[in-house]
Amino acid sequence: RFFPASIELRGKSFLWADDLSSYDSILHL
C-alpha cells in the first residue's frame, strides 16, 4: 500500500529506473 502512494518516490531515479513511483521499462514491446 505504501510504495505506490508515496509521493517521495515520484521522479526519483535509481539504477535503470527513472521513476521509482512508476514502472521501469527496459524494453518496449
mmCIF file of all heavy atoms, coordinates in Angstrom:
data_MODEL
# 
_entry.id   MODEL 
# 
loop_
_atom_site.group_PDB 
_atom_site.id 
_atom_site.type_symbol 
_atom_site.label_atom_id 
_atom_site.label_alt_id 
_atom_site.label_comp_id 
_atom_site.label_asym_id 
_atom_site.label_entity_id 
_atom_site.label_seq_id 
_atom_site.pdbx_PDB_ins_code 
_atom_site.Cartn_x 
_atom_site.Cartn_y 
_atom_site.Cartn_z 
_atom_site.occupancy 
_atom_site.B_iso_or_equiv 
_atom_site.pdbx_formal_charge 
_atom_site.auth_seq_id 
_atom_site.auth_comp_id 
_atom_site.auth_asym_id 
_atom_site.auth_atom_id 
_atom_site.pdbx_PDB_model_num 
ATOM 1   N N   . ARG A 1 1  ? 0.813  -1.207 0.000   1.00 0.00 ? 1  ARG A N   1 
ATOM 2   C CA  . ARG A 1 1  ? 0.000  0.000  0.000   1.00 0.00 ? 1  ARG A CA  1 
ATOM 3   C C   . ARG A 1 1  ? 0.852  1.264  0.000   1.00 0.00 ? 1  ARG A C   1 
ATOM 4   O O   . ARG A 1 1  ? 0.466  2.292  -0.567  1.00 0.00 ? 1  ARG A O   1 
ATOM 5   C CB  . ARG A 1 1  ? -0.933 0.017  1.229   1.00 0.00 ? 1  ARG A CB  1 
ATOM 6   C CG  . ARG A 1 1  ? -1.917 -1.123 1.304   1.00 0.00 ? 1  ARG A CG  1 
ATOM 7   C CD  . ARG A 1 1  ? -2.885 -1.135 0.143   1.00 0.00 ? 1  ARG A CD  1 
ATOM 8   N NE  . ARG A 1 1  ? -3.716 0.064  0.089   1.00 0.00 ? 1  ARG A NE  1 
ATOM 9   C CZ  . ARG A 1 1  ? -4.917 0.170  0.626   1.00 0.00 ? 1  ARG A CZ  1 
ATOM 10  N NH1 . ARG A 1 1  ? -5.433 -0.851 1.276   1.00 0.00 ? 1  ARG A NH1 1 
ATOM 11  N NH2 . ARG A 1 1  ? -5.611 1.276  0.508   1.00 0.00 ? 1  ARG A NH2 1 
ATOM 12  N N   . PHE A 1 2  ? 2.018  1.212  0.657   1.00 0.00 ? 2  PHE A N   1 
ATOM 13  C CA  . PHE A 1 2  ? 2.814  2.414  0.867   1.00 0.00 ? 2  PHE A CA  1 
ATOM 14  C C   . PHE A 1 2  ? 3.519  2.901  -0.397  1.00 0.00 ? 2  PHE A C   1 
ATOM 15  O O   . PHE A 1 2  ? 3.425  4.078  -0.755  1.00 0.00 ? 2  PHE A O   1 
ATOM 16  C CB  . PHE A 1 2  ? 3.847  2.158  1.973   1.00 0.00 ? 2  PHE A CB  1 
ATOM 17  C CG  . PHE A 1 2  ? 4.866  3.252  2.119   1.00 0.00 ? 2  PHE A CG  1 
ATOM 18  C CD1 . PHE A 1 2  ? 4.516  4.468  2.701   1.00 0.00 ? 2  PHE A CD1 1 
ATOM 19  C CD2 . PHE A 1 2  ? 6.166  3.085  1.672   1.00 0.00 ? 2  PHE A CD2 1 
ATOM 20  C CE1 . PHE A 1 2  ? 5.443  5.491  2.834   1.00 0.00 ? 2  PHE A CE1 1 
ATOM 21  C CE2 . PHE A 1 2  ? 7.098  4.097  1.802   1.00 0.00 ? 2  PHE A CE2 1 
ATOM 22  C CZ  . PHE A 1 2  ? 6.741  5.301  2.386   1.00 0.00 ? 2  PHE A CZ  1 
ATOM 23  N N   . PHE A 1 3  ? 4.235  2.016  -1.088  1.00 0.00 ? 3  PHE A N   1 
ATOM 24  C CA  . PHE A 1 3  ? 5.102  2.458  -2.182  1.00 0.00 ? 3  PHE A CA  1 
ATOM 25  C C   . PHE A 1 3  ? 4.353  3.128  -3.340  1.00 0.00 ? 3  PHE A C   1 
ATOM 26  O O   . PHE A 1 3  ? 4.763  4.196  -3.800  1.00 0.00 ? 3  PHE A O   1 
ATOM 27  C CB  . PHE A 1 3  ? 5.947  1.288  -2.688  1.00 0.00 ? 3  PHE A CB  1 
ATOM 28  C CG  . PHE A 1 3  ? 7.139  1.010  -1.820  1.00 0.00 ? 3  PHE A CG  1 
ATOM 29  C CD1 . PHE A 1 3  ? 7.132  -0.047 -0.936  1.00 0.00 ? 3  PHE A CD1 1 
ATOM 30  C CD2 . PHE A 1 3  ? 8.256  1.814  -1.870  1.00 0.00 ? 3  PHE A CD2 1 
ATOM 31  C CE1 . PHE A 1 3  ? 8.219  -0.300 -0.119  1.00 0.00 ? 3  PHE A CE1 1 
ATOM 32  C CE2 . PHE A 1 3  ? 9.359  1.574  -1.060  1.00 0.00 ? 3  PHE A CE2 1 
ATOM 33  C CZ  . PHE A 1 3  ? 9.340  0.516  -0.180  1.00 0.00 ? 3  PHE A CZ  1 
ATOM 34  N N   . PRO A 1 4  ? 3.267  2.558  -3.860  1.00 0.00 ? 4  PRO A N   1 
ATOM 35  C CA  . PRO A 1 4  ? 2.584  3.236  -4.973  1.00 0.00 ? 4  PRO A CA  1 
ATOM 36  C C   . PRO A 1 4  ? 1.960  4.573  -4.579  1.00 0.00 ? 4  PRO A C   1 
ATOM 37  O O   . PRO A 1 4  ? 1.673  5.396  -5.445  1.00 0.00 ? 4  PRO A O   1 
ATOM 38  C CB  . PRO A 1 4  ? 1.493  2.231  -5.382  1.00 0.00 ? 4  PRO A CB  1 
ATOM 39  C CG  . PRO A 1 4  ? 1.946  0.917  -4.851  1.00 0.00 ? 4  PRO A CG  1 
ATOM 40  C CD  . PRO A 1 4  ? 2.661  1.244  -3.585  1.00 0.00 ? 4  PRO A CD  1 
ATOM 41  N N   . ALA A 1 5  ? 1.728  4.792  -3.268  1.00 0.00 ? 5  ALA A N   1 
ATOM 42  C CA  . ALA A 1 5  ? 1.100  6.035  -2.818  1.00 0.00 ? 5  ALA A CA  1 
ATOM 43  C C   . ALA A 1 5  ? 2.112  7.034  -2.274  1.00 0.00 ? 5  ALA A C   1 
ATOM 44  O O   . ALA A 1 5  ? 1.727  8.108  -1.815  1.00 0.00 ? 5  ALA A O   1 
ATOM 45  C CB  . ALA A 1 5  ? 0.065  5.720  -1.731  1.00 0.00 ? 5  ALA A CB  1 
ATOM 46  N N   . SER A 1 6  ? 3.392  6.709  -2.319  1.00 0.00 ? 6  SER A N   1 
ATOM 47  C CA  . SER A 1 6  ? 4.425  7.556  -1.735  1.00 0.00 ? 6  SER A CA  1 
ATOM 48  C C   . SER A 1 6  ? 4.916  8.577  -2.750  1.00 0.00 ? 6  SER A C   1 
ATOM 49  O O   . SER A 1 6  ? 5.647  8.238  -3.693  1.00 0.00 ? 6  SER A O   1 
ATOM 50  C CB  . SER A 1 6  ? 5.593  6.694  -1.240  1.00 0.00 ? 6  SER A CB  1 
ATOM 51  O OG  . SER A 1 6  ? 6.640  7.499  -0.772  1.00 0.00 ? 6  SER A OG  1 
ATOM 52  N N   . ILE A 1 7  ? 4.544  9.836  -2.559  1.00 0.00 ? 7  ILE A N   1 
ATOM 53  C CA  . ILE A 1 7  ? 4.963  10.898 -3.484  1.00 0.00 ? 7  ILE A CA  1 
ATOM 54  C C   . ILE A 1 7  ? 6.462  11.154 -3.387  1.00 0.00 ? 7  ILE A C   1 
ATOM 55  O O   . ILE A 1 7  ? 7.067  11.706 -4.307  1.00 0.00 ? 7  ILE A O   1 
ATOM 56  C CB  . ILE A 1 7  ? 4.173  12.193 -3.216  1.00 0.00 ? 7  ILE A CB  1 
ATOM 57  C CG1 . ILE A 1 7  ? 4.362  13.185 -4.371  1.00 0.00 ? 7  ILE A CG1 1 
ATOM 58  C CG2 . ILE A 1 7  ? 4.552  12.802 -1.870  1.00 0.00 ? 7  ILE A CG2 1 
ATOM 59  C CD1 . ILE A 1 7  ? 3.495  14.405 -4.274  1.00 0.00 ? 7  ILE A CD1 1 
ATOM 60  N N   . GLU A 1 8  ? 7.084  10.736 -2.270  1.00 0.00 ? 8  GLU A N   1 
ATOM 61  C CA  . GLU A 1 8  ? 8.526  10.921 -2.139  1.00 0.00 ? 8  GLU A CA  1 
ATOM 62  C C   . GLU A 1 8  ? 9.291  10.213 -3.252  1.00 0.00 ? 8  GLU A C   1 
ATOM 63  O O   . GLU A 1 8  ? 10.388 10.644 -3.630  1.00 0.00 ? 8  GLU A O   1 
ATOM 64  C CB  . GLU A 1 8  ? 9.012  10.395 -0.785  1.00 0.00 ? 8  GLU A CB  1 
ATOM 65  C CG  . GLU A 1 8  ? 8.566  11.225 0.411   1.00 0.00 ? 8  GLU A CG  1 
ATOM 66  C CD  . GLU A 1 8  ? 7.206  10.815 0.936   1.00 0.00 ? 8  GLU A CD  1 
ATOM 67  O OE1 . GLU A 1 8  ? 6.505  10.042 0.252   1.00 0.00 ? 8  GLU A OE1 1 
ATOM 68  O OE2 . GLU A 1 8  ? 6.835  11.263 2.033   1.00 0.00 ? 8  GLU A OE2 1 
ATOM 69  N N   . LEU A 1 9  ? 8.728  9.117  -3.775  1.00 0.00 ? 9  LEU A N   1 
ATOM 70  C CA  . LEU A 1 9  ? 9.409  8.348  -4.823  1.00 0.00 ? 9  LEU A CA  1 
ATOM 71  C C   . LEU A 1 9  ? 9.168  8.910  -6.217  1.00 0.00 ? 9  LEU A C   1 
ATOM 72  O O   . LEU A 1 9  ? 9.841  8.509  -7.166  1.00 0.00 ? 9  LEU A O   1 
ATOM 73  C CB  . LEU A 1 9  ? 8.933  6.887  -4.784  1.00 0.00 ? 9  LEU A CB  1 
ATOM 74  C CG  . LEU A 1 9  ? 9.220  6.105  -3.507  1.00 0.00 ? 9  LEU A CG  1 
ATOM 75  C CD1 . LEU A 1 9  ? 8.696  4.686  -3.640  1.00 0.00 ? 9  LEU A CD1 1 
ATOM 76  C CD2 . LEU A 1 9  ? 10.709 6.089  -3.195  1.00 0.00 ? 9  LEU A CD2 1 
ATOM 77  N N   . ARG A 1 10 ? 8.227  9.831  -6.337  1.00 0.00 ? 10 ARG A N   1 
ATOM 78  C CA  . ARG A 1 10 ? 7.847  10.347 -7.662  1.00 0.00 ? 10 ARG A CA  1 
ATOM 79  C C   . ARG A 1 10 ? 9.019  11.089 -8.301  1.00 0.00 ? 10 ARG A C   1 
ATOM 80  O O   . ARG A 1 10 ? 9.559  12.050 -7.768  1.00 0.00 ? 10 ARG A O   1 
ATOM 81  C CB  . ARG A 1 10 ? 6.649  11.281 -7.545  1.00 0.00 ? 10 ARG A CB  1 
ATOM 82  C CG  . ARG A 1 10 ? 6.103  11.751 -8.871  1.00 0.00 ? 10 ARG A CG  1 
ATOM 83  C CD  . ARG A 1 10 ? 4.841  12.570 -8.663  1.00 0.00 ? 10 ARG A CD  1 
ATOM 84  N NE  . ARG A 1 10 ? 4.224  12.925 -9.932  1.00 0.00 ? 10 ARG A NE  1 
ATOM 85  C CZ  . ARG A 1 10 ? 4.453  14.073 -10.567 1.00 0.00 ? 10 ARG A CZ  1 
ATOM 86  N NH1 . ARG A 1 10 ? 5.272  14.967 -10.030 1.00 0.00 ? 10 ARG A NH1 1 
ATOM 87  N NH2 . ARG A 1 10 ? 3.871  14.332 -11.713 1.00 0.00 ? 10 ARG A NH2 1 
ATOM 88  N N   . GLY A 1 11 ? 9.417  10.619 -9.474  1.00 0.00 ? 11 GLY A N   1 
ATOM 89  C CA  . GLY A 1 11 ? 10.508 11.242 -10.210 1.00 0.00 ? 11 GLY A CA  1 
ATOM 90  C C   . GLY A 1 11 ? 11.892 10.904 -9.698  1.00 0.00 ? 11 GLY A C   1 
ATOM 91  O O   . GLY A 1 11 ? 12.885 11.431 -10.221 1.00 0.00 ? 11 GLY A O   1 
ATOM 92  N N   . LYS A 1 12 ? 11.987 10.033 -8.686  1.00 0.00 ? 12 LYS A N   1 
ATOM 93  C CA  . LYS A 1 12 ? 13.292 9.656  -8.142  1.00 0.00 ? 12 LYS A CA  1 
ATOM 94  C C   . LYS A 1 12 ? 13.831 8.455  -8.908  1.00 0.00 ? 12 LYS A C   1 
ATOM 95  O O   . LYS A 1 12 ? 13.164 7.434  -9.030  1.00 0.00 ? 12 LYS A O   1 
ATOM 96  C CB  . LYS A 1 12 ? 13.183 9.325  -6.649  1.00 0.00 ? 12 LYS A CB  1 
ATOM 97  C CG  . LYS A 1 12 ? 12.632 10.465 -5.793  1.00 0.00 ? 12 LYS A CG  1 
ATOM 98  C CD  . LYS A 1 12 ? 13.526 11.688 -5.839  1.00 0.00 ? 12 LYS A CD  1 
ATOM 99  C CE  . LYS A 1 12 ? 12.980 12.788 -4.940  1.00 0.00 ? 12 LYS A CE  1 
ATOM 100 N NZ  . LYS A 1 12 ? 13.825 14.006 -4.979  1.00 0.00 ? 12 LYS A NZ  1 
ATOM 101 N N   . SER A 1 13 ? 15.035 8.591  -9.410  1.00 0.00 ? 13 SER A N   1 
ATOM 102 C CA  . SER A 1 13 ? 15.641 7.530  -10.223 1.00 0.00 ? 13 SER A CA  1 
ATOM 103 C C   . SER A 1 13 ? 16.567 6.670  -9.380  1.00 0.00 ? 13 SER A C   1 
ATOM 104 O O   . SER A 1 13 ? 17.116 7.117  -8.360  1.00 0.00 ? 13 SER A O   1 
ATOM 105 C CB  . SER A 1 13 ? 16.417 8.138  -11.398 1.00 0.00 ? 13 SER A CB  1 
ATOM 106 O OG  . SER A 1 13 ? 17.450 8.985  -10.922 1.00 0.00 ? 13 SER A OG  1 
ATOM 107 N N   . PHE A 1 14 ? 16.736 5.433  -9.834  1.00 0.00 ? 14 PHE A N   1 
ATOM 108 C CA  . PHE A 1 14 ? 17.667 4.510  -9.187  1.00 0.00 ? 14 PHE A CA  1 
ATOM 109 C C   . PHE A 1 14 ? 18.045 3.441  -10.191 1.00 0.00 ? 14 PHE A C   1 
ATOM 110 O O   . PHE A 1 14 ? 17.172 2.777  -10.783 1.00 0.00 ? 14 PHE A O   1 
ATOM 111 C CB  . PHE A 1 14 ? 17.045 3.877  -7.944  1.00 0.00 ? 14 PHE A CB  1 
ATOM 112 C CG  . PHE A 1 14 ? 17.950 2.907  -7.240  1.00 0.00 ? 14 PHE A CG  1 
ATOM 113 C CD1 . PHE A 1 14 ? 19.100 3.352  -6.616  1.00 0.00 ? 14 PHE A CD1 1 
ATOM 114 C CD2 . PHE A 1 14 ? 17.663 1.552  -7.209  1.00 0.00 ? 14 PHE A CD2 1 
ATOM 115 C CE1 . PHE A 1 14 ? 19.944 2.463  -5.970  1.00 0.00 ? 14 PHE A CE1 1 
ATOM 116 C CE2 . PHE A 1 14 ? 18.497 0.657  -6.566  1.00 0.00 ? 14 PHE A CE2 1 
ATOM 117 C CZ  . PHE A 1 14 ? 19.648 1.118  -5.944  1.00 0.00 ? 14 PHE A CZ  1 
ATOM 118 N N   . LEU A 1 15 ? 19.346 3.279  -10.397 1.00 0.00 ? 15 LEU A N   1 
ATOM 119 C CA  . LEU A 1 15 ? 19.863 2.355  -11.410 1.00 0.00 ? 15 LEU A CA  1 
ATOM 120 C C   . LEU A 1 15 ? 19.197 2.657  -12.752 1.00 0.00 ? 15 LEU A C   1 
ATOM 121 O O   . LEU A 1 15 ? 19.282 3.777  -13.237 1.00 0.00 ? 15 LEU A O   1 
ATOM 122 C CB  . LEU A 1 15 ? 19.650 0.910  -10.951 1.00 0.00 ? 15 LEU A CB  1 
ATOM 123 C CG  . LEU A 1 15 ? 20.375 0.506  -9.641  1.00 0.00 ? 15 LEU A CG  1 
ATOM 124 C CD1 . LEU A 1 15 ? 20.062 -0.942 -9.264  1.00 0.00 ? 15 LEU A CD1 1 
ATOM 125 C CD2 . LEU A 1 15 ? 21.869 0.732  -9.760  1.00 0.00 ? 15 LEU A CD2 1 
ATOM 126 N N   . TRP A 1 16 ? 18.499 1.693  -13.350 1.00 0.00 ? 16 TRP A N   1 
ATOM 127 C CA  . TRP A 1 16 ? 17.881 1.920  -14.663 1.00 0.00 ? 16 TRP A CA  1 
ATOM 128 C C   . TRP A 1 16 ? 16.462 2.496  -14.561 1.00 0.00 ? 16 TRP A C   1 
ATOM 129 O O   . TRP A 1 16 ? 15.880 2.886  -15.561 1.00 0.00 ? 16 TRP A O   1 
ATOM 130 C CB  . TRP A 1 16 ? 17.830 0.598  -15.443 1.00 0.00 ? 16 TRP A CB  1 
ATOM 131 C CG  . TRP A 1 16 ? 17.100 -0.475 -14.694 1.00 0.00 ? 16 TRP A CG  1 
ATOM 132 C CD1 . TRP A 1 16 ? 15.767 -0.690 -14.670 1.00 0.00 ? 16 TRP A CD1 1 
ATOM 133 C CD2 . TRP A 1 16 ? 17.668 -1.457 -13.834 1.00 0.00 ? 16 TRP A CD2 1 
ATOM 134 N NE1 . TRP A 1 16 ? 15.446 -1.742 -13.842 1.00 0.00 ? 16 TRP A NE1 1 
ATOM 135 C CE2 . TRP A 1 16 ? 16.604 -2.250 -13.328 1.00 0.00 ? 16 TRP A CE2 1 
ATOM 136 C CE3 . TRP A 1 16 ? 18.979 -1.757 -13.440 1.00 0.00 ? 16 TRP A CE3 1 
ATOM 137 C CZ2 . TRP A 1 16 ? 16.815 -3.305 -12.452 1.00 0.00 ? 16 TRP A CZ2 1 
ATOM 138 C CZ3 . TRP A 1 16 ? 19.177 -2.819 -12.576 1.00 0.00 ? 16 TRP A CZ3 1 
ATOM 139 C CH2 . TRP A 1 16 ? 18.113 -3.568 -12.094 1.00 0.00 ? 16 TRP A CH2 1 
ATOM 140 N N   . ALA A 1 17 ? 15.901 2.556  -13.363 1.00 0.00 ? 17 ALA A N   1 
ATOM 141 C CA  . ALA A 1 17 ? 14.546 3.081  -13.185 1.00 0.00 ? 17 ALA A CA  1 
ATOM 142 C C   . ALA A 1 17 ? 14.603 4.608  -13.102 1.00 0.00 ? 17 ALA A C   1 
ATOM 143 O O   . ALA A 1 17 ? 15.340 5.163  -12.283 1.00 0.00 ? 17 ALA A O   1 
ATOM 144 C CB  . ALA A 1 17 ? 13.908 2.504  -11.936 1.00 0.00 ? 17 ALA A CB  1 
ATOM 145 N N   . ASP A 1 18 ? 13.838 5.285  -13.951 1.00 0.00 ? 18 ASP A N   1 
ATOM 146 C CA  . ASP A 1 18 ? 13.841 6.749  -13.927 1.00 0.00 ? 18 ASP A CA  1 
ATOM 147 C C   . ASP A 1 18 ? 12.782 7.330  -12.993 1.00 0.00 ? 18 ASP A C   1 
ATOM 148 O O   . ASP A 1 18 ? 12.769 8.528  -12.722 1.00 0.00 ? 18 ASP A O   1 
ATOM 149 C CB  . ASP A 1 18 ? 13.634 7.317  -15.343 1.00 0.00 ? 18 ASP A CB  1 
ATOM 150 C CG  . ASP A 1 18 ? 12.341 6.839  -15.981 1.00 0.00 ? 18 ASP A CG  1 
ATOM 151 O OD1 . ASP A 1 18 ? 11.608 6.050  -15.346 1.00 0.00 ? 18 ASP A OD1 1 
ATOM 152 O OD2 . ASP A 1 18 ? 12.058 7.244  -17.122 1.00 0.00 ? 18 ASP A OD2 1 
ATOM 153 N N   . ASP A 1 19 ? 11.874 6.482  -12.488 1.00 0.00 ? 19 ASP A N   1 
ATOM 154 C CA  . ASP A 1 19 ? 10.817 6.943  -11.586 1.00 0.00 ? 19 ASP A CA  1 
ATOM 155 C C   . ASP A 1 19 ? 10.394 5.764  -10.718 1.00 0.00 ? 19 ASP A C   1 
ATOM 156 O O   . ASP A 1 19 ? 9.698  4.858  -11.181 1.00 0.00 ? 19 ASP A O   1 
ATOM 157 C CB  . ASP A 1 19 ? 9.633  7.478  -12.387 1.00 0.00 ? 19 ASP A CB  1 
ATOM 158 C CG  . ASP A 1 19 ? 8.555  8.099  -11.505 1.00 0.00 ? 19 ASP A CG  1 
ATOM 159 O OD1 . ASP A 1 19 ? 8.642  7.962  -10.269 1.00 0.00 ? 19 ASP A OD1 1 
ATOM 160 O OD2 . ASP A 1 19 ? 7.615  8.712  -12.041 1.00 0.00 ? 19 ASP A OD2 1 
ATOM 161 N N   . LEU A 1 20 ? 10.799 5.777  -9.448  1.00 0.00 ? 20 LEU A N   1 
ATOM 162 C CA  . LEU A 1 20 ? 10.509 4.659  -8.554  1.00 0.00 ? 20 LEU A CA  1 
ATOM 163 C C   . LEU A 1 20 ? 9.030  4.546  -8.195  1.00 0.00 ? 20 LEU A C   1 
ATOM 164 O O   . LEU A 1 20 ? 8.595  3.518  -7.677  1.00 0.00 ? 20 LEU A O   1 
ATOM 165 C CB  . LEU A 1 20 ? 11.333 4.782  -7.270  1.00 0.00 ? 20 LEU A CB  1 
ATOM 166 C CG  . LEU A 1 20 ? 12.826 4.488  -7.409  1.00 0.00 ? 20 LEU A CG  1 
ATOM 167 C CD1 . LEU A 1 20 ? 13.571 4.861  -6.138  1.00 0.00 ? 20 LEU A CD1 1 
ATOM 168 C CD2 . LEU A 1 20 ? 13.075 3.030  -7.754  1.00 0.00 ? 20 LEU A CD2 1 
ATOM 169 N N   . SER A 1 21 ? 8.254  5.591  -8.470  1.00 0.00 ? 21 SER A N   1 
ATOM 170 C CA  . SER A 1 21 ? 6.822  5.523  -8.180  1.00 0.00 ? 21 SER A CA  1 
ATOM 171 C C   . SER A 1 21 ? 6.040  4.856  -9.300  1.00 0.00 ? 21 SER A C   1 
ATOM 172 O O   . SER A 1 21 ? 4.870  4.527  -9.133  1.00 0.00 ? 21 SER A O   1 
ATOM 173 C CB  . SER A 1 21 ? 6.259  6.926  -7.942  1.00 0.00 ? 21 SER A CB  1 
ATOM 174 O OG  . SER A 1 21 ? 6.198  7.656  -9.157  1.00 0.00 ? 21 SER A OG  1 
ATOM 175 N N   . SER A 1 22 ? 6.693  4.668  -10.457 1.00 0.00 ? 22 SER A N   1 
ATOM 176 C CA  . SER A 1 22 ? 6.031  4.045  -11.607 1.00 0.00 ? 22 SER A CA  1 
ATOM 177 C C   . SER A 1 22 ? 6.868  2.863  -12.076 1.00 0.00 ? 22 SER A C   1 
ATOM 178 O O   . SER A 1 22 ? 7.904  2.545  -11.491 1.00 0.00 ? 22 SER A O   1 
ATOM 179 C CB  . SER A 1 22 ? 5.854  5.079  -12.729 1.00 0.00 ? 22 SER A CB  1 
ATOM 180 O OG  . SER A 1 22 ? 5.099  4.541  -13.793 1.00 0.00 ? 22 SER A OG  1 
ATOM 181 N N   . TYR A 1 23 ? 6.428  2.216  -13.147 1.00 0.00 ? 23 TYR A N   1 
ATOM 182 C CA  . TYR A 1 23 ? 7.154  1.036  -13.633 1.00 0.00 ? 23 TYR A CA  1 
ATOM 183 C C   . TYR A 1 23 ? 8.448  1.455  -14.334 1.00 0.00 ? 23 TYR A C   1 
ATOM 184 O O   . TYR A 1 23 ? 8.562  2.552  -14.878 1.00 0.00 ? 23 TYR A O   1 
ATOM 185 C CB  . TYR A 1 23 ? 6.274  0.210  -14.572 1.00 0.00 ? 23 TYR A CB  1 
ATOM 186 C CG  . TYR A 1 23 ? 5.808  0.941  -15.812 1.00 0.00 ? 23 TYR A CG  1 
ATOM 187 C CD1 . TYR A 1 23 ? 6.631  1.065  -16.933 1.00 0.00 ? 23 TYR A CD1 1 
ATOM 188 C CD2 . TYR A 1 23 ? 4.530  1.499  -15.876 1.00 0.00 ? 23 TYR A CD2 1 
ATOM 189 C CE1 . TYR A 1 23 ? 6.203  1.720  -18.077 1.00 0.00 ? 23 TYR A CE1 1 
ATOM 190 C CE2 . TYR A 1 23 ? 4.090  2.155  -17.012 1.00 0.00 ? 23 TYR A CE2 1 
ATOM 191 C CZ  . TYR A 1 23 ? 4.930  2.258  -18.110 1.00 0.00 ? 23 TYR A CZ  1 
ATOM 192 O OH  . TYR A 1 23 ? 4.509  2.922  -19.235 1.00 0.00 ? 23 TYR A OH  1 
ATOM 193 N N   . ASP A 1 24 ? 9.436  0.571  -14.290 1.00 0.00 ? 24 ASP A N   1 
ATOM 194 C CA  . ASP A 1 24 ? 10.668 0.770  -15.050 1.00 0.00 ? 24 ASP A CA  1 
ATOM 195 C C   . ASP A 1 24 ? 10.574 -0.066 -16.311 1.00 0.00 ? 24 ASP A C   1 
ATOM 196 O O   . ASP A 1 24 ? 10.062 -1.192 -16.290 1.00 0.00 ? 24 ASP A O   1 
ATOM 197 C CB  . ASP A 1 24 ? 11.876 0.345  -14.218 1.00 0.00 ? 24 ASP A CB  1 
ATOM 198 C CG  . ASP A 1 24 ? 11.813 -1.124 -13.835 1.00 0.00 ? 24 ASP A CG  1 
ATOM 199 O OD1 . ASP A 1 24 ? 10.862 -1.497 -13.104 1.00 0.00 ? 24 ASP A OD1 1 
ATOM 200 O OD2 . ASP A 1 24 ? 12.683 -1.910 -14.254 1.00 0.00 ? 24 ASP A OD2 1 
ATOM 201 N N   . SER A 1 25 ? 11.025 0.456  -17.415 1.00 0.00 ? 25 SER A N   1 
ATOM 202 C CA  . SER A 1 25 ? 10.911 -0.252 -18.682 1.00 0.00 ? 25 SER A CA  1 
ATOM 203 C C   . SER A 1 25 ? 12.277 -0.339 -19.358 1.00 0.00 ? 25 SER A C   1 
ATOM 204 O O   . SER A 1 25 ? 12.914 0.690  -19.612 1.00 0.00 ? 25 SER A O   1 
ATOM 205 C CB  . SER A 1 25 ? 9.919  0.472  -19.610 1.00 0.00 ? 25 SER A CB  1 
ATOM 206 O OG  . SER A 1 25 ? 9.858  -0.160 -20.876 1.00 0.00 ? 25 SER A OG  1 
ATOM 207 N N   . ILE A 1 26 ? 12.737 -1.556 -19.619 1.00 0.00 ? 26 ILE A N   1 
ATOM 208 C CA  . ILE A 1 26 ? 13.995 -1.741 -20.338 1.00 0.00 ? 26 ILE A CA  1 
ATOM 209 C C   . ILE A 1 26 ? 13.752 -2.157 -21.782 1.00 0.00 ? 26 ILE A C   1 
ATOM 210 O O   . ILE A 1 26 ? 14.670 -2.174 -22.586 1.00 0.00 ? 26 ILE A O   1 
ATOM 211 C CB  . ILE A 1 26 ? 14.876 -2.797 -19.645 1.00 0.00 ? 26 ILE A CB  1 
ATOM 212 C CG1 . ILE A 1 26 ? 14.149 -4.155 -19.595 1.00 0.00 ? 26 ILE A CG1 1 
ATOM 213 C CG2 . ILE A 1 26 ? 15.282 -2.352 -18.250 1.00 0.00 ? 26 ILE A CG2 1 
ATOM 214 C CD1 . ILE A 1 26 ? 15.050 -5.308 -19.239 1.00 0.00 ? 26 ILE A CD1 1 
ATOM 215 N N   . LEU A 1 27 ? 12.484 -2.481 -22.093 1.00 0.00 ? 27 LEU A N   1 
ATOM 216 C CA  . LEU A 1 27 ? 12.147 -2.898 -23.454 1.00 0.00 ? 27 LEU A CA  1 
ATOM 217 C C   . LEU A 1 27 ? 10.691 -2.571 -23.734 1.00 0.00 ? 27 LEU A C   1 
ATOM 218 O O   . LEU A 1 27 ? 9.805  -2.985 -22.984 1.00 0.00 ? 27 LEU A O   1 
ATOM 219 C CB  . LEU A 1 27 ? 12.385 -4.407 -23.621 1.00 0.00 ? 27 LEU A CB  1 
ATOM 220 C CG  . LEU A 1 27 ? 12.029 -4.998 -24.997 1.00 0.00 ? 27 LEU A CG  1 
ATOM 221 C CD1 . LEU A 1 27 ? 12.927 -4.403 -26.086 1.00 0.00 ? 27 LEU A CD1 1 
ATOM 222 C CD2 . LEU A 1 27 ? 12.153 -6.514 -24.982 1.00 0.00 ? 27 LEU A CD2 1 
ATOM 223 N N   . HIS A 1 28 ? 10.457 -1.826 -24.797 1.00 0.00 ? 28 HIS A N   1 
ATOM 224 C CA  . HIS A 1 28 ? 9.090  -1.515 -25.203 1.00 0.00 ? 28 HIS A CA  1 
ATOM 225 C C   . HIS A 1 28 ? 8.658  -2.503 -26.280 1.00 0.00 ? 28 HIS A C   1 
ATOM 226 O O   . HIS A 1 28 ? 9.325  -2.657 -27.303 1.00 0.00 ? 28 HIS A O   1 
ATOM 227 C CB  . HIS A 1 28 ? 9.001  -0.086 -25.743 1.00 0.00 ? 28 HIS A CB  1 
ATOM 228 C CG  . HIS A 1 28 ? 7.599  0.321  -26.089 1.00 0.00 ? 28 HIS A CG  1 
ATOM 229 N ND1 . HIS A 1 28 ? 6.672  0.675  -25.129 1.00 0.00 ? 28 HIS A ND1 1 
ATOM 230 C CD2 . HIS A 1 28 ? 6.959  0.388  -27.299 1.00 0.00 ? 28 HIS A CD2 1 
ATOM 231 C CE1 . HIS A 1 28 ? 5.529  0.965  -25.726 1.00 0.00 ? 28 HIS A CE1 1 
ATOM 232 N NE2 . HIS A 1 28 ? 5.668  0.804  -27.045 1.00 0.00 ? 28 HIS A NE2 1 
ATOM 233 N N   . LEU A 1 29 ? 7.546  -3.180 -26.056 1.00 0.00 ? 29 LEU A N   1 
ATOM 234 C CA  . LEU A 1 29 ? 7.051  -4.185 -26.980 1.00 0.00 ? 29 LEU A CA  1 
ATOM 235 C C   . LEU A 1 29 ? 6.181  -3.534 -28.058 1.00 0.00 ? 29 LEU A C   1 
ATOM 236 O O   . LEU A 1 29 ? 5.454  -2.574 -27.781 1.00 0.00 ? 29 LEU A O   1 
ATOM 237 C CB  . LEU A 1 29 ? 6.235  -5.238 -26.228 1.00 0.00 ? 29 LEU A CB  1 
ATOM 238 C CG  . LEU A 1 29 ? 6.952  -5.947 -25.067 1.00 0.00 ? 29 LEU A CG  1 
ATOM 239 C CD1 . LEU A 1 29 ? 5.989  -6.861 -24.340 1.00 0.00 ? 29 LEU A CD1 1 
ATOM 240 C CD2 . LEU A 1 29 ? 8.155  -6.713 -25.577 1.00 0.00 ? 29 LEU A CD2 1 
# 
